[in-house]
């Protein structure tokens, strides 16, 4: 988003602690927002309301100086009625902005000050009804819902994703080694890390559940000589993945199948799933792990790469409605419990939380640089759509930097004995 031309007010902002009766005289929605922001201690935020009045929260000397501008008073009512769902929708409509193009810093401040937690605890009947309606339409236990949920996000068009992803078309957390690493370097380093953890060997078979555009399979085939199969529910992804495989002359070694993981059969030496488990749904955790065990040979090894959370909320109502319908983010203990129940033993666990924040930062930068090109692709990529996606990328980065989101890689094996002869050094 571009920096807004919003001049500073001649009158100094009024600190929340000095508002007194003024706070009580404000409309309920505006008062609710300011009471939430009153939790800010270690940040510097000025809010400008539609009348041009300014209010100071936190430490006025702290950096960065953030400036939240409310263009439309309906923002307050939407927040009061629908919490984070309403606040996200208000941003999509252009009802509020961060004037200095520091949206991610503003959202990080909300996380550090527990503002998000307070909003999530604000439950209203209208929000409950909206959430229930969304869940009934998207619960992924039903196969048709899983297909619909995936298509909602991943069938937006390959051209769209190519404008902010790297040349490998990898849509998951990268692995940063140096501050100057490019997005492509981070993704290739991530693939290399996974290949080493799996100890891939020439001639081995690899199955990739939720293979996206085939990046992992292509890397593993070209650098480790494996044969592989990838499955996806996205027609758009499958078409381009097959094209990329053919262009590299790997058609005799790699196959892409459009199917639900629950309907897929076969046995493979190695198993991988990168950034797909978030779509499985709570009621299918055990099903997924059991399927992983079924797909592995008796001494097979697998890797699960997934977002997880330390918080109570598994996916926010705004994200569920607009970005990832039917999504459900697990907690670490749920992953290990279900792996154990499926007779799969965890051999190694690594948290790549900061790496995902850096990945998202680069995606958002690419997205901003290509706003005009994105808009030219289709009328559906209008200003509202672009504000929605920008908020998604920025809020995700903020959640990985200062919120409860984690990114785990869990290496596991089937059988009674750890089968790899190579040491666990990556």
Protein backbone atom coordinates (compact mmCIF):
# COMPACT_ATOMS: atom_id res chain seq x y z
CA UNK A 1 0.00 0.00 0.00
CA UNK A 2 1.17 3.54 -0.61
CA UNK A 3 1.88 6.10 2.09
CA UNK A 4 -1.16 8.26 2.77
CA UNK A 5 -1.15 12.03 2.57
CA UNK A 6 -2.52 12.60 6.08
CA UNK A 7 -0.97 15.67 7.73
CA UNK A 8 -0.21 15.71 11.43
CA UNK A 9 -2.74 17.68 13.43
CA UNK A 10 -1.79 21.08 14.85
CA UNK A 11 -3.16 20.03 18.24
CA UNK A 12 -1.17 17.37 20.09
CA UNK A 13 -2.86 13.94 20.28
CA UNK A 14 -4.77 13.29 23.49
CA UNK A 15 -3.35 10.34 25.48
CA UNK A 16 -5.91 7.69 26.37
CA UNK A 17 -5.23 8.08 30.09
CA UNK A 18 -6.17 11.77 29.88
CA UNK A 19 -9.43 11.33 28.00
CA UNK A 20 -11.64 11.02 31.07
CA UNK A 21 -15.23 12.00 30.36
CA UNK A 22 -14.34 12.46 26.70
CA UNK A 23 -13.95 8.70 26.34
CA UNK A 24 -17.33 8.07 27.94
CA UNK A 25 -19.00 10.51 25.53
CA UNK A 26 -17.76 8.71 22.42
CA UNK A 27 -19.96 6.24 20.49
CA UNK A 28 -19.73 2.68 21.80
CA UNK A 29 -17.74 1.33 18.87
CA UNK A 30 -15.12 4.07 18.92
CA UNK A 31 -14.84 3.80 22.69
CA UNK A 32 -14.33 0.02 22.38
CA UNK A 33 -11.42 0.51 19.94
CA UNK A 34 -9.69 3.05 22.16
CA UNK A 35 -10.11 0.89 25.22
CA UNK A 36 -8.42 -1.96 23.34
CA UNK A 37 -5.58 0.27 22.20
CA UNK A 38 -5.16 1.54 25.74
CA UNK A 39 -3.26 -1.71 26.42
CA UNK A 40 -0.35 -0.46 24.29
CA UNK A 41 2.69 0.33 26.46
CA UNK A 42 5.87 -0.19 24.42
CA UNK A 43 4.71 1.21 21.08
CA UNK A 44 3.84 4.57 19.60
CA UNK A 45 0.45 4.84 17.94
CA UNK A 46 -1.65 7.84 16.97
CA UNK A 47 -5.22 7.26 15.81
CA UNK A 48 -6.94 9.84 13.63
CA UNK A 49 -10.73 9.57 13.61
CA UNK A 50 -12.97 10.66 10.70
CA UNK A 51 -13.44 14.10 12.28
CA UNK A 52 -9.67 14.67 12.34
CA UNK A 53 -9.29 14.27 16.11
CA UNK A 54 -6.10 12.51 17.17
CA UNK A 55 -5.48 10.17 20.09
CA UNK A 56 -2.12 8.97 21.42
CA UNK A 57 -1.50 5.42 22.64
CA UNK A 58 1.67 4.07 24.19
CA UNK A 59 4.96 5.96 24.28
CA UNK A 60 5.02 9.03 22.04
CA UNK A 61 8.82 8.83 21.85
CA UNK A 62 9.01 5.22 20.71
CA UNK A 63 9.85 4.18 17.14
CA UNK A 64 8.42 3.50 14.71
CA UNK A 65 5.76 6.20 14.88
CA UNK A 66 2.57 4.54 13.69
CA UNK A 67 -0.47 6.44 12.50
CA UNK A 68 -3.80 4.68 12.08
CA UNK A 69 -6.33 6.68 10.11
CA UNK A 70 -10.04 5.85 10.37
CA UNK A 71 -11.71 7.07 7.17
CA UNK A 72 -15.18 5.70 7.84
CA UNK A 73 -16.92 5.61 11.25
CA UNK A 74 -18.53 2.31 10.27
CA UNK A 75 -15.15 0.79 11.13
CA UNK A 76 -16.03 1.08 14.82
CA UNK A 77 -19.43 -0.57 14.40
CA UNK A 78 -17.98 -3.41 12.32
CA UNK A 79 -15.31 -4.04 14.97
CA UNK A 80 -17.85 -3.94 17.79
CA UNK A 81 -20.23 -6.35 16.04
CA UNK A 82 -17.80 -8.79 14.41
CA UNK A 83 -14.42 -8.44 16.16
CA UNK A 84 -11.40 -9.39 14.03
CA UNK A 85 -13.70 -10.43 11.19
CA UNK A 86 -15.23 -6.98 11.07
CA UNK A 87 -11.90 -5.22 11.47
CA UNK A 88 -10.46 -7.12 8.50
CA UNK A 89 -13.53 -6.41 6.40
CA UNK A 90 -13.27 -2.71 7.24
CA UNK A 91 -9.70 -2.70 5.92
CA UNK A 92 -10.79 -4.45 2.73
CA UNK A 93 -13.37 -1.72 2.19
CA UNK A 94 -10.75 1.00 2.63
CA UNK A 95 -12.28 2.28 5.86
CA UNK A 96 -8.93 2.47 7.69
CA UNK A 97 -5.21 2.53 6.89
CA UNK A 98 -1.80 2.86 8.45
CA UNK A 99 -0.75 6.22 7.00
CA UNK A 100 3.01 5.54 6.90
CA UNK A 101 2.77 2.23 5.03
CA UNK A 102 3.72 0.39 8.22
CA UNK A 103 0.80 -2.03 8.34
CA UNK A 104 2.91 -4.98 9.44
CA UNK A 105 4.44 -2.95 12.30
CA UNK A 106 0.96 -1.87 13.40
CA UNK A 107 -0.24 -5.48 13.46
CA UNK A 108 2.89 -6.57 15.32
CA UNK A 109 2.15 -3.90 17.92
CA UNK A 110 -1.35 -5.34 18.34
CA UNK A 111 0.19 -8.77 18.98
CA UNK A 112 2.79 -7.49 21.46
CA UNK A 113 0.14 -5.56 23.36
CA UNK A 114 -2.34 -8.48 23.41
CA UNK A 115 -4.88 -6.38 21.54
CA UNK A 116 -5.68 -9.33 19.28
CA UNK A 117 -6.32 -11.58 22.27
CA UNK A 118 -8.77 -9.06 23.68
CA UNK A 119 -10.64 -8.75 20.39
CA UNK A 120 -10.84 -12.54 20.06
CA UNK A 121 -12.38 -12.70 23.52
CA UNK A 122 -15.05 -10.22 22.40
CA UNK A 123 -17.76 -12.63 21.24
CA UNK A 124 -21.08 -11.33 19.96
CA UNK A 125 -24.19 -13.15 18.70
CA UNK A 126 -23.65 -11.78 15.19
CA UNK A 127 -20.08 -13.05 15.14
CA UNK A 128 -21.12 -16.48 16.43
CA UNK A 129 -23.75 -16.82 13.70
CA UNK A 130 -21.29 -15.72 11.01
CA UNK A 131 -18.68 -18.24 12.18
CA UNK A 132 -21.17 -21.13 12.41
CA UNK A 133 -22.48 -20.41 8.91
CA UNK A 134 -18.96 -20.40 7.50
CA UNK A 135 -17.97 -23.64 9.23
CA UNK A 136 -21.06 -25.50 8.02
CA UNK A 137 -20.20 -24.54 4.45
CA UNK A 138 -16.51 -25.43 4.61
CA UNK A 139 -15.94 -28.28 7.11
CA UNK A 140 -13.27 -30.41 5.33
CA UNK A 141 -14.50 -33.77 6.64
CA UNK A 142 -16.65 -33.90 3.50
CA UNK A 143 -14.60 -34.57 0.35
CA UNK A 144 -16.53 -32.06 -1.74
CA UNK A 145 -15.85 -29.35 0.82
CA UNK A 146 -12.11 -30.10 0.75
CA UNK A 147 -12.07 -29.67 -3.01
CA UNK A 148 -14.08 -26.46 -2.80
CA UNK A 149 -11.86 -25.05 -0.05
CA UNK A 150 -8.66 -25.75 -1.97
CA UNK A 151 -10.04 -24.35 -5.20
CA UNK A 152 -11.15 -21.16 -3.41
CA UNK A 153 -7.53 -20.32 -2.65
CA UNK A 154 -5.29 -22.18 -5.09
CA UNK A 155 -7.30 -21.87 -8.29
CA UNK A 156 -7.11 -18.07 -8.33
CA UNK A 157 -4.84 -18.48 -11.33
CA UNK A 158 -1.22 -19.44 -11.88
CA UNK A 159 -0.49 -16.01 -13.35
CA UNK A 160 -1.55 -14.43 -10.07
CA UNK A 161 0.79 -16.54 -7.94
CA UNK A 162 3.68 -16.10 -10.36
CA UNK A 163 3.58 -12.36 -9.68
CA UNK A 164 4.59 -12.64 -6.03
CA UNK A 165 6.14 -16.09 -5.55
CA UNK A 166 9.70 -16.98 -6.59
CA UNK A 167 10.61 -18.80 -9.84
CA UNK A 168 10.24 -22.20 -8.13
CA UNK A 169 6.58 -21.32 -7.45
CA UNK A 170 6.89 -22.41 -3.85
CA UNK A 171 4.03 -21.30 -1.63
CA UNK A 172 5.31 -22.30 1.81
CA UNK A 173 7.93 -21.24 4.36
CA UNK A 174 11.44 -20.81 3.01
CA UNK A 175 14.72 -21.35 4.89
CA UNK A 176 16.96 -18.33 5.40
CA UNK A 177 20.70 -18.77 5.89
CA UNK A 178 21.89 -15.22 5.24
CA UNK A 179 20.11 -11.87 5.65
CA UNK A 180 20.59 -11.16 1.95
CA UNK A 181 19.07 -14.46 0.77
CA UNK A 182 16.60 -14.01 -2.06
CA UNK A 183 13.19 -15.64 -1.93
CA UNK A 184 14.33 -18.23 -4.47
CA UNK A 185 17.44 -19.05 -2.45
CA UNK A 186 15.33 -19.51 0.67
CA UNK A 187 12.99 -21.93 -1.08
CA UNK A 188 15.79 -23.98 -2.63
CA UNK A 189 17.50 -24.12 0.77
CA UNK A 190 14.24 -25.35 2.29
CA UNK A 191 13.99 -28.15 -0.28
CA UNK A 192 17.61 -29.09 0.35
CA UNK A 193 16.99 -29.17 4.11
CA UNK A 194 14.02 -31.50 3.68
CA UNK A 195 15.88 -33.77 1.27
CA UNK A 196 18.71 -34.11 3.79
CA UNK A 197 16.36 -34.79 6.67
CA UNK A 198 14.67 -37.51 4.61
CA UNK A 199 18.12 -38.81 3.55
CA UNK A 200 16.88 -39.26 0.01
CA UNK A 201 18.79 -41.74 -2.14
CA UNK A 202 18.84 -42.27 -5.93
CA UNK A 203 16.07 -44.56 -7.07
CA UNK A 204 13.91 -44.08 -3.97
CA UNK A 205 10.22 -43.30 -4.31
CA UNK A 206 8.75 -40.14 -2.79
CA UNK A 207 5.11 -39.13 -2.37
CA UNK A 208 4.25 -35.45 -1.84
CA UNK A 209 0.81 -34.82 -0.35
CA UNK A 210 -0.30 -31.32 -1.37
CA UNK A 211 2.46 -30.95 -3.96
CA UNK A 212 1.50 -27.48 -5.20
CA UNK A 213 3.29 -26.64 -8.43
CA UNK A 214 5.72 -29.56 -8.02
CA UNK A 215 8.71 -27.68 -6.63
CA UNK A 216 9.71 -30.27 -4.02
CA UNK A 217 9.44 -33.19 -6.42
CA UNK A 218 11.36 -31.39 -9.15
CA UNK A 219 14.17 -30.48 -6.75
CA UNK A 220 14.36 -33.98 -5.29
CA UNK A 221 14.39 -35.59 -8.75
CA UNK A 222 17.06 -33.29 -10.14
CA UNK A 223 19.36 -33.30 -7.09
CA UNK A 224 18.72 -36.70 -5.50
CA UNK A 225 17.54 -38.92 -8.36
CA UNK A 226 14.22 -40.01 -6.87
CA UNK A 227 11.00 -41.08 -8.56
CA UNK A 228 7.94 -39.35 -7.19
CA UNK A 229 4.21 -38.74 -7.17
CA UNK A 230 2.50 -35.55 -6.11
CA UNK A 231 -1.17 -35.14 -5.30
CA UNK A 232 -3.23 -31.97 -5.30
CA UNK A 233 -6.87 -30.93 -5.49
CA UNK A 234 -6.11 -27.87 -7.60
CA UNK A 235 -6.63 -28.17 -11.35
CA UNK A 236 -4.58 -25.00 -11.92
CA UNK A 237 -1.64 -26.27 -9.90
CA UNK A 238 -1.66 -29.70 -11.50
CA UNK A 239 -1.65 -28.32 -15.04
CA UNK A 240 1.36 -26.09 -14.45
CA UNK A 241 3.20 -28.68 -12.37
CA UNK A 242 2.91 -31.18 -15.23
CA UNK A 243 4.11 -28.56 -17.68
CA UNK A 244 7.14 -27.72 -15.56
CA UNK A 245 7.97 -31.41 -15.12
CA UNK A 246 7.79 -32.00 -18.86
CA UNK A 247 9.96 -28.95 -19.61
CA UNK A 248 12.70 -30.41 -17.40
CA UNK A 249 12.50 -33.85 -18.99
CA UNK A 250 11.28 -35.48 -15.79
CA UNK A 251 8.02 -36.90 -17.15
CA UNK A 252 9.27 -40.48 -16.82
CA UNK A 253 10.11 -40.00 -13.13
CA UNK A 254 7.46 -37.67 -11.73
CA UNK A 255 3.66 -37.91 -11.77
CA UNK A 256 1.02 -35.41 -10.64
CA UNK A 257 -2.40 -36.73 -9.61
CA UNK A 258 -5.55 -34.75 -8.85
CA UNK A 259 -7.16 -36.54 -5.94
CA UNK A 260 -7.97 -36.27 -2.25
CA UNK A 261 -5.27 -37.77 -0.03
CA UNK A 262 -7.90 -39.99 1.59
CA UNK A 263 -8.54 -41.70 -1.75
CA UNK A 264 -4.89 -42.13 -2.72
CA UNK A 265 -3.14 -45.52 -2.46
CA UNK A 266 0.34 -46.95 -2.98
CA UNK A 267 3.58 -47.39 -1.04
CA UNK A 268 6.66 -45.20 -1.05
CA UNK A 269 10.07 -45.12 0.58
CA UNK A 270 9.66 -41.52 1.64
CA UNK A 271 6.69 -39.25 2.43
CA UNK A 272 6.50 -35.46 2.52
CA UNK A 273 3.72 -32.93 3.02
CA UNK A 274 4.56 -29.23 2.96
CA UNK A 275 2.01 -26.61 3.97
CA UNK A 276 -1.03 -28.80 3.36
CA UNK A 277 -1.90 -30.10 6.83
CA UNK A 278 -3.54 -26.78 7.76
CA UNK A 279 -6.36 -27.72 5.37
CA UNK A 280 -7.02 -31.17 6.83
CA UNK A 281 -9.35 -30.11 9.65
CA UNK A 282 -9.38 -31.18 13.29
CA UNK A 283 -11.61 -34.19 12.73
CA UNK A 284 -9.22 -35.59 10.11
CA UNK A 285 -5.91 -35.38 11.98
CA UNK A 286 -5.96 -39.11 12.73
CA UNK A 287 -7.06 -39.92 9.17
CA UNK A 288 -4.11 -38.01 7.72
CA UNK A 289 -1.54 -39.68 9.97
CA UNK A 290 -3.00 -43.13 9.31
CA UNK A 291 -2.82 -42.46 5.56
CA UNK A 292 0.81 -41.38 5.93
CA UNK A 293 1.57 -44.69 7.63
CA UNK A 294 -0.26 -46.63 4.93
CA UNK A 295 1.68 -44.90 2.16
CA UNK A 296 5.09 -45.68 3.67
CA UNK A 297 7.00 -48.90 3.20
CA UNK A 298 7.76 -50.89 6.39
CA UNK A 299 10.91 -48.87 7.13
CA UNK A 300 9.73 -45.66 5.47
CA UNK A 301 10.52 -42.12 6.58
CA UNK A 302 8.30 -39.05 6.39
CA UNK A 303 8.39 -35.29 6.89
CA UNK A 304 5.45 -33.09 7.90
CA UNK A 305 5.98 -29.35 7.38
CA UNK A 306 3.06 -27.38 8.85
CA UNK A 307 1.98 -24.19 10.55
CA UNK A 308 1.01 -24.68 14.19
CA UNK A 309 -0.11 -22.40 16.99
CA UNK A 310 0.53 -21.84 20.67
CA UNK A 311 -2.74 -19.94 21.03
CA UNK A 312 -6.36 -20.91 21.53
CA UNK A 313 -7.56 -19.70 18.15
CA UNK A 314 -6.90 -22.19 15.35
CA UNK A 315 -7.80 -19.90 12.48
CA UNK A 316 -9.36 -16.49 12.70
CA UNK A 317 -12.87 -15.88 11.33
CA UNK A 318 -11.56 -13.38 8.77
CA UNK A 319 -8.96 -15.81 7.41
CA UNK A 320 -11.52 -18.63 7.41
CA UNK A 321 -14.01 -16.58 5.40
CA UNK A 322 -11.74 -14.89 2.90
CA UNK A 323 -8.43 -16.72 2.65
CA UNK A 324 -8.42 -20.38 3.78
CA UNK A 325 -11.97 -21.74 4.14
CA UNK A 326 -12.11 -24.77 6.39
CA UNK A 327 -8.58 -24.26 7.71
CA UNK A 328 -7.59 -25.44 11.18
CA UNK A 329 -4.14 -24.87 12.64
CA UNK A 330 -2.92 -27.64 14.95
CA UNK A 331 -0.97 -27.46 18.18
CA UNK A 332 2.28 -29.38 18.43
CA UNK A 333 1.05 -31.93 20.95
CA UNK A 334 -1.85 -32.84 18.65
CA UNK A 335 0.59 -33.64 15.86
CA UNK A 336 2.81 -35.84 18.00
CA UNK A 337 -0.14 -37.62 19.61
CA UNK A 338 -1.67 -38.54 16.27
CA UNK A 339 1.68 -39.62 14.82
CA UNK A 340 2.16 -41.89 17.82
CA UNK A 341 -1.35 -43.30 17.46
CA UNK A 342 -0.59 -44.12 13.81
CA UNK A 343 2.57 -45.98 14.95
CA UNK A 344 4.83 -43.31 13.48
CA UNK A 345 7.70 -42.19 15.72
CA UNK A 346 8.96 -38.61 15.76
CA UNK A 347 12.71 -38.57 15.16
CA UNK A 348 13.33 -34.83 14.91
CA UNK A 349 11.39 -31.57 15.29
CA UNK A 350 12.46 -28.09 14.21
CA UNK A 351 10.64 -24.76 14.46
CA UNK A 352 11.17 -22.41 11.49
CA UNK A 353 9.00 -19.60 12.90
CA UNK A 354 11.32 -16.67 12.02
CA UNK A 355 11.97 -18.10 8.56
CA UNK A 356 8.28 -17.84 7.70
CA UNK A 357 8.18 -14.20 8.77
CA UNK A 358 11.03 -13.48 6.35
CA UNK A 359 9.30 -15.45 3.59
CA UNK A 360 6.07 -13.50 4.04
CA UNK A 361 7.99 -10.20 4.05
CA UNK A 362 9.36 -11.02 0.60
CA UNK A 363 5.97 -12.16 -0.71
CA UNK A 364 4.37 -8.89 0.41
CA UNK A 365 7.14 -6.85 -1.22
CA UNK A 366 6.65 -8.68 -4.52
CA UNK A 367 2.89 -8.28 -4.23
CA UNK A 368 3.20 -4.53 -3.75
CA UNK A 369 5.62 -4.15 -6.64
CA UNK A 370 3.24 -5.98 -8.96
CA UNK A 371 -0.09 -4.44 -7.97
CA UNK A 372 -0.72 -2.99 -11.44
CA UNK A 373 0.20 -6.25 -13.15
CA UNK A 374 -2.10 -8.17 -10.81
CA UNK A 375 -4.98 -5.78 -11.50
CA UNK A 376 -4.46 -6.23 -15.24
CA UNK A 377 -4.92 -10.02 -15.01
CA UNK A 378 -8.65 -9.96 -14.31
CA UNK A 379 -11.44 -7.72 -12.98
CA UNK A 380 -11.62 -9.96 -9.90
CA UNK A 381 -8.25 -8.61 -8.75
CA UNK A 382 -9.72 -5.22 -7.90
CA UNK A 383 -8.73 -2.84 -5.11
CA UNK A 384 -10.81 -4.70 -2.51
CA UNK A 385 -9.22 -8.03 -3.46
CA UNK A 386 -5.73 -6.56 -3.34
CA UNK A 387 -6.32 -4.96 0.05
CA UNK A 388 -7.59 -8.33 1.28
CA UNK A 389 -4.45 -10.14 0.12
CA UNK A 390 -2.11 -7.45 1.37
CA UNK A 391 -3.72 -7.65 4.82
CA UNK A 392 -3.41 -11.44 4.73
CA UNK A 393 0.32 -11.30 3.92
CA UNK A 394 1.07 -8.53 6.42
CA UNK A 395 -0.99 -10.00 9.25
CA UNK A 396 0.61 -13.41 8.71
CA UNK A 397 4.10 -11.92 8.91
CA UNK A 398 3.14 -10.09 12.09
CA UNK A 399 1.74 -13.30 13.62
CA UNK A 400 4.98 -15.18 12.91
CA UNK A 401 7.13 -12.37 14.30
CA UNK A 402 5.17 -11.48 17.44
CA UNK A 403 2.13 -13.76 17.56
CA UNK A 404 1.49 -17.38 18.38
CA UNK A 405 2.07 -18.93 14.94
CA UNK A 406 4.86 -21.51 14.60
CA UNK A 407 6.21 -23.52 11.66
CA UNK A 408 7.23 -27.07 12.49
CA UNK A 409 9.08 -29.68 10.49
CA UNK A 410 8.49 -33.09 12.05
CA UNK A 411 10.61 -35.97 10.81
CA UNK A 412 9.11 -39.37 11.56
CA UNK A 413 9.62 -43.01 10.70
CA UNK A 414 7.63 -46.21 10.43
CA UNK A 415 8.71 -49.36 12.18
CA UNK A 416 10.48 -50.14 15.44
CA UNK A 417 13.98 -49.00 14.59
CA UNK A 418 15.32 -45.72 13.24
CA UNK A 419 16.29 -46.77 9.70
CA UNK A 420 18.62 -43.99 8.55
CA UNK A 421 22.36 -44.63 8.60
CA UNK A 422 23.23 -40.96 8.19
CA UNK A 423 23.47 -38.79 11.34
CA UNK A 424 20.83 -36.17 12.05
CA UNK A 425 23.01 -33.21 11.10
CA UNK A 426 21.67 -30.86 8.48
